[in-house]
């Protein structure tokens, strides 16, 4: 009995280790190249801010052309297109907007950080779940609980 539960634990540990290895190996991205490929578009921010909002362009759109990127491999581009379809337009440009801060520079930093997070999460391949069989002990316990519940309910019935 103890060996089966240990086997289950080792499979879980193995799958977590595999996930971490895949995650760390796939994020070997040339960020310098990607950051140099980002173009920025600014516009006036909406919301509160009084006269400042009406005068300055603090809203930043960070635009990244996924199709023509030299910083991503073809496989990574495919994963980005697959997972970020809603954020990519017809031309293959991934767009992230930030207008949280009062300064354009801070909003540019937020937009780049969000873009990096999106790309990092998108290029991590989905790890397939390893199916495991329930142990004999857990199956036996479940059946015993079912029998006990059945007997308890049978005793509630009126005789006759």
C-alpha atoms as a PDB file:
ATOM      1  CA  UNK A   1       0.000   0.000   0.000  1.00  0.00           C
ATOM      2  CA  UNK A   2       2.775   2.403   0.910  1.00  0.00           C
ATOM      3  CA  UNK A   3       4.555   1.818  -2.408  1.00  0.00           C
ATOM      4  CA  UNK A   4       1.505   2.852  -4.439  1.00  0.00           C
ATOM      5  CA  UNK A   5       1.078   6.157  -2.614  1.00  0.00           C
ATOM      6  CA  UNK A   6       4.807   6.824  -2.983  1.00  0.00           C
ATOM      7  CA  UNK A   7       4.494   6.126  -6.702  1.00  0.00           C
ATOM      8  CA  UNK A   8       1.661   8.655  -6.916  1.00  0.00           C
ATOM      9  CA  UNK A   9       3.752  11.245  -5.113  1.00  0.00           C
ATOM     10  CA  UNK A  10       6.753  10.636  -7.347  1.00  0.00           C
ATOM     11  CA  UNK A  11       4.579  11.070 -10.454  1.00  0.00           C
ATOM     12  CA  UNK A  12       3.299  14.397  -9.096  1.00  0.00           C
ATOM     13  CA  UNK A  13       6.819  15.539  -8.290  1.00  0.00           C
ATOM     14  CA  UNK A  14       8.002  14.399 -11.718  1.00  0.00           C
ATOM     15  CA  UNK A  15       5.204  16.261 -13.509  1.00  0.00           C
ATOM     16  CA  UNK A  16       5.880  19.444 -11.498  1.00  0.00           C
ATOM     17  CA  UNK A  17       9.589  19.149 -12.254  1.00  0.00           C
ATOM     18  CA  UNK A  18       8.837  18.598 -15.944  1.00  0.00           C
ATOM     19  CA  UNK A  19       6.571  21.660 -15.956  1.00  0.00           C
ATOM     20  CA  UNK A  20       9.281  23.798 -14.330  1.00  0.00           C
ATOM     21  CA  UNK A  21      11.903  22.521 -16.770  1.00  0.00           C
ATOM     22  CA  UNK A  22       9.676  23.246 -19.751  1.00  0.00           C
ATOM     23  CA  UNK A  23       8.848  26.667 -18.367  1.00  0.00           C
ATOM     24  CA  UNK A  24      12.456  27.653 -17.748  1.00  0.00           C
ATOM     25  CA  UNK A  25      13.697  26.252 -21.053  1.00  0.00           C
ATOM     26  CA  UNK A  26      11.069  27.948 -23.211  1.00  0.00           C
ATOM     27  CA  UNK A  27      11.562  31.419 -21.780  1.00  0.00           C
ATOM     28  CA  UNK A  28      15.004  31.652 -23.342  1.00  0.00           C
ATOM     29  CA  UNK A  29      13.772  34.533 -25.474  1.00  0.00           C
ATOM     30  CA  UNK A  30      15.891  37.291 -26.964  1.00  0.00           C
ATOM     31  CA  UNK A  31      14.216  40.127 -25.045  1.00  0.00           C
ATOM     32  CA  UNK A  32      16.613  42.775 -26.355  1.00  0.00           C
ATOM     33  CA  UNK A  33      15.553  41.963 -29.899  1.00  0.00           C
ATOM     34  CA  UNK A  34      11.871  41.929 -28.974  1.00  0.00           C
ATOM     35  CA  UNK A  35      12.108  45.211 -27.054  1.00  0.00           C
ATOM     36  CA  UNK A  36      13.786  46.866 -30.047  1.00  0.00           C
ATOM     37  CA  UNK A  37      10.905  45.680 -32.290  1.00  0.00           C
ATOM     38  CA  UNK A  38       8.190  47.301 -30.157  1.00  0.00           C
ATOM     39  CA  UNK A  39       6.704  50.496 -31.553  1.00  0.00           C
ATOM     40  CA  UNK A  40       4.807  52.980 -29.419  1.00  0.00           C
ATOM     41  CA  UNK A  41       1.780  55.113 -30.130  1.00  0.00           C
ATOM     42  CA  UNK A  42       0.655  57.829 -27.719  1.00  0.00           C
ATOM     43  CA  UNK A  43      -2.664  59.584 -27.310  1.00  0.00           C
ATOM     44  CA  UNK A  44      -4.565  61.584 -24.757  1.00  0.00           C
ATOM     45  CA  UNK A  45      -5.627  59.535 -21.787  1.00  0.00           C
ATOM     46  CA  UNK A  46      -9.244  59.352 -20.655  1.00  0.00           C
ATOM     47  CA  UNK A  47     -10.575  59.644 -17.133  1.00  0.00           C
ATOM     48  CA  UNK A  48      -9.844  61.923 -14.223  1.00  0.00           C
ATOM     49  CA  UNK A  49      -6.907  64.310 -14.260  1.00  0.00           C
ATOM     50  CA  UNK A  50      -8.375  67.707 -14.996  1.00  0.00           C
ATOM     51  CA  UNK A  51      -6.582  70.026 -17.382  1.00  0.00           C
ATOM     52  CA  UNK A  52      -3.480  67.814 -17.416  1.00  0.00           C
ATOM     53  CA  UNK A  53      -5.387  65.018 -19.191  1.00  0.00           C
ATOM     54  CA  UNK A  54      -6.627  67.414 -21.862  1.00  0.00           C
ATOM     55  CA  UNK A  55      -3.138  68.777 -22.628  1.00  0.00           C
ATOM     56  CA  UNK A  56      -0.755  65.791 -22.556  1.00  0.00           C
ATOM     57  CA  UNK A  57      -0.539  62.484 -24.378  1.00  0.00           C
ATOM     58  CA  UNK A  58       0.039  60.016 -21.545  1.00  0.00           C
ATOM     59  CA  UNK A  59      -1.800  56.963 -22.892  1.00  0.00           C
ATOM     60  CA  UNK A  60       0.676  54.517 -24.490  1.00  0.00           C
ATOM     61  CA  UNK A  61      -0.064  51.701 -26.933  1.00  0.00           C
ATOM     62  CA  UNK A  62       2.810  49.214 -27.217  1.00  0.00           C
ATOM     63  CA  UNK A  63       2.627  47.480 -30.598  1.00  0.00           C
ATOM     64  CA  UNK A  64       4.563  44.298 -31.358  1.00  0.00           C
ATOM     65  CA  UNK A  65       4.525  42.746 -34.840  1.00  0.00           C
ATOM     66  CA  UNK A  66       4.500  39.035 -34.062  1.00  0.00           C
ATOM     67  CA  UNK A  67       4.697  37.831 -37.689  1.00  0.00           C
ATOM     68  CA  UNK A  68       7.888  39.690 -38.593  1.00  0.00           C
ATOM     69  CA  UNK A  69       9.599  39.306 -35.219  1.00  0.00           C
ATOM     70  CA  UNK A  70      13.186  38.091 -35.263  1.00  0.00           C
ATOM     71  CA  UNK A  71      13.164  37.535 -31.500  1.00  0.00           C
ATOM     72  CA  UNK A  72      10.691  34.630 -31.605  1.00  0.00           C
ATOM     73  CA  UNK A  73      11.023  31.243 -33.268  1.00  0.00           C
ATOM     74  CA  UNK A  74       8.287  29.981 -35.585  1.00  0.00           C
ATOM     75  CA  UNK A  75       7.029  27.619 -32.866  1.00  0.00           C
ATOM     76  CA  UNK A  76       6.845  30.471 -30.349  1.00  0.00           C
ATOM     77  CA  UNK A  77       5.047  32.670 -32.888  1.00  0.00           C
ATOM     78  CA  UNK A  78       2.502  29.886 -33.388  1.00  0.00           C
ATOM     79  CA  UNK A  79       1.918  29.632 -29.629  1.00  0.00           C
ATOM     80  CA  UNK A  80       1.532  33.412 -29.351  1.00  0.00           C
ATOM     81  CA  UNK A  81      -1.001  33.465 -32.214  1.00  0.00           C
ATOM     82  CA  UNK A  82      -2.862  30.517 -30.725  1.00  0.00           C
ATOM     83  CA  UNK A  83      -3.115  31.877 -27.172  1.00  0.00           C
ATOM     84  CA  UNK A  84      -3.394  35.620 -27.820  1.00  0.00           C
ATOM     85  CA  UNK A  85      -5.751  35.600 -30.806  1.00  0.00           C
ATOM     86  CA  UNK A  86      -8.095  38.157 -29.227  1.00  0.00           C
ATOM     87  CA  UNK A  87      -5.260  40.681 -28.761  1.00  0.00           C
ATOM     88  CA  UNK A  88      -3.708  40.337 -32.236  1.00  0.00           C
ATOM     89  CA  UNK A  89      -5.178  42.251 -35.181  1.00  0.00           C
ATOM     90  CA  UNK A  90      -5.391  41.185 -38.855  1.00  0.00           C
ATOM     91  CA  UNK A  91      -1.865  42.443 -39.588  1.00  0.00           C
ATOM     92  CA  UNK A  92      -0.399  40.214 -36.857  1.00  0.00           C
ATOM     93  CA  UNK A  93       0.287  43.069 -34.424  1.00  0.00           C
ATOM     94  CA  UNK A  94      -0.060  42.434 -30.691  1.00  0.00           C
ATOM     95  CA  UNK A  95      -1.293  45.548 -28.903  1.00  0.00           C
ATOM     96  CA  UNK A  96      -1.117  46.450 -25.201  1.00  0.00           C
ATOM     97  CA  UNK A  97      -2.426  49.746 -23.805  1.00  0.00           C
ATOM     98  CA  UNK A  98      -1.603  51.497 -20.552  1.00  0.00           C
ATOM     99  CA  UNK A  99      -3.052  54.723 -19.162  1.00  0.00           C
ATOM    100  CA  UNK A 100      -2.756  54.122 -15.411  1.00  0.00           C
ATOM    101  CA  UNK A 101      -0.171  56.766 -14.595  1.00  0.00           C
ATOM    102  CA  UNK A 102       0.067  60.507 -15.182  1.00  0.00           C
ATOM    103  CA  UNK A 103       3.384  60.212 -17.008  1.00  0.00           C
ATOM    104  CA  UNK A 104       3.969  58.793 -20.462  1.00  0.00           C
ATOM    105  CA  UNK A 105       7.226  57.151 -19.367  1.00  0.00           C
ATOM    106  CA  UNK A 106       5.532  55.231 -16.519  1.00  0.00           C
ATOM    107  CA  UNK A 107       2.735  54.105 -18.853  1.00  0.00           C
ATOM    108  CA  UNK A 108       5.347  52.968 -21.394  1.00  0.00           C
ATOM    109  CA  UNK A 109       6.997  50.864 -18.688  1.00  0.00           C
ATOM    110  CA  UNK A 110       3.649  49.328 -17.667  1.00  0.00           C
ATOM    111  CA  UNK A 111       2.777  48.517 -21.286  1.00  0.00           C
ATOM    112  CA  UNK A 112       6.164  46.857 -21.938  1.00  0.00           C
ATOM    113  CA  UNK A 113       5.928  44.849 -18.699  1.00  0.00           C
ATOM    114  CA  UNK A 114       2.423  43.626 -19.580  1.00  0.00           C
ATOM    115  CA  UNK A 115       3.568  42.749 -23.107  1.00  0.00           C
ATOM    116  CA  UNK A 116       6.506  40.738 -21.718  1.00  0.00           C
ATOM    117  CA  UNK A 117       4.184  38.899 -19.290  1.00  0.00           C
ATOM    118  CA  UNK A 118       1.721  38.084 -22.074  1.00  0.00           C
ATOM    119  CA  UNK A 119       4.447  36.710 -24.340  1.00  0.00           C
ATOM    120  CA  UNK A 120       6.077  34.719 -21.507  1.00  0.00           C
ATOM    121  CA  UNK A 121       2.772  33.102 -20.559  1.00  0.00           C
ATOM    122  CA  UNK A 122       1.873  32.430 -24.195  1.00  0.00           C
ATOM    123  CA  UNK A 123       5.100  30.640 -25.162  1.00  0.00           C
ATOM    124  CA  UNK A 124       4.987  28.180 -22.272  1.00  0.00           C
ATOM    125  CA  UNK A 125       3.679  24.954 -23.837  1.00  0.00           C
ATOM    126  CA  UNK A 126       0.737  23.328 -22.142  1.00  0.00           C
ATOM    127  CA  UNK A 127       1.922  20.339 -20.135  1.00  0.00           C
ATOM    128  CA  UNK A 128      -0.254  17.320 -20.735  1.00  0.00           C
ATOM    129  CA  UNK A 129      -1.759  15.880 -17.573  1.00  0.00           C
ATOM    130  CA  UNK A 130      -0.528  12.405 -16.676  1.00  0.00           C
ATOM    131  CA  UNK A 131      -3.496  10.243 -15.747  1.00  0.00           C
ATOM    132  CA  UNK A 132      -3.075   8.142 -12.638  1.00  0.00           C
ATOM    133  CA  UNK A 133      -5.063   5.196 -11.339  1.00  0.00           C
ATOM    134  CA  UNK A 134      -6.585   5.413  -7.862  1.00  0.00           C
ATOM    135  CA  UNK A 135      -4.805   3.157  -5.395  1.00  0.00           C
ATOM    136  CA  UNK A 136      -6.465  -0.090  -4.256  1.00  0.00           C
ATOM    137  CA  UNK A 137      -6.728   1.322  -0.753  1.00  0.00           C
ATOM    138  CA  UNK A 138      -8.548   4.469  -1.904  1.00  0.00           C
ATOM    139  CA  UNK A 139     -10.970   2.400  -4.026  1.00  0.00           C
ATOM    140  CA  UNK A 140     -11.635   0.108  -1.054  1.00  0.00           C
ATOM    141  CA  UNK A 141     -12.191   3.085   1.283  1.00  0.00           C
ATOM    142  CA  UNK A 142     -14.635   4.651  -1.177  1.00  0.00           C
ATOM    143  CA  UNK A 143     -16.614   1.414  -1.459  1.00  0.00           C
ATOM    144  CA  UNK A 144     -16.708   1.050   2.348  1.00  0.00           C
ATOM    145  CA  UNK A 145     -18.010   4.625   2.689  1.00  0.00           C
ATOM    146  CA  UNK A 146     -20.667   3.920   0.074  1.00  0.00           C
ATOM    147  CA  UNK A 147     -21.781   0.783   1.932  1.00  0.00           C
ATOM    148  CA  UNK A 148     -21.943   2.647   5.241  1.00  0.00           C
ATOM    149  CA  UNK A 149     -23.987   5.436   3.663  1.00  0.00           C
ATOM    150  CA  UNK A 150     -26.314   2.879   2.057  1.00  0.00           C
ATOM    151  CA  UNK A 151     -26.857   1.079   5.378  1.00  0.00           C
ATOM    152  CA  UNK A 152     -27.504   4.382   7.161  1.00  0.00           C
ATOM    153  CA  UNK A 153     -30.175   5.321   4.612  1.00  0.00           C
ATOM    154  CA  UNK A 154     -31.691   1.800   4.682  1.00  0.00           C
ATOM    155  CA  UNK A 155     -32.140   2.106   8.467  1.00  0.00           C
ATOM    156  CA  UNK A 156     -34.097   5.357   7.991  1.00  0.00           C
ATOM    157  CA  UNK A 157     -36.803   3.597   5.947  1.00  0.00           C
ATOM    158  CA  UNK A 158     -39.971   2.504   7.684  1.00  0.00           C
ATOM    159  CA  UNK A 159     -40.270  -1.273   7.969  1.00  0.00           C
ATOM    160  CA  UNK A 160     -42.924  -2.956   5.889  1.00  0.00           C
END
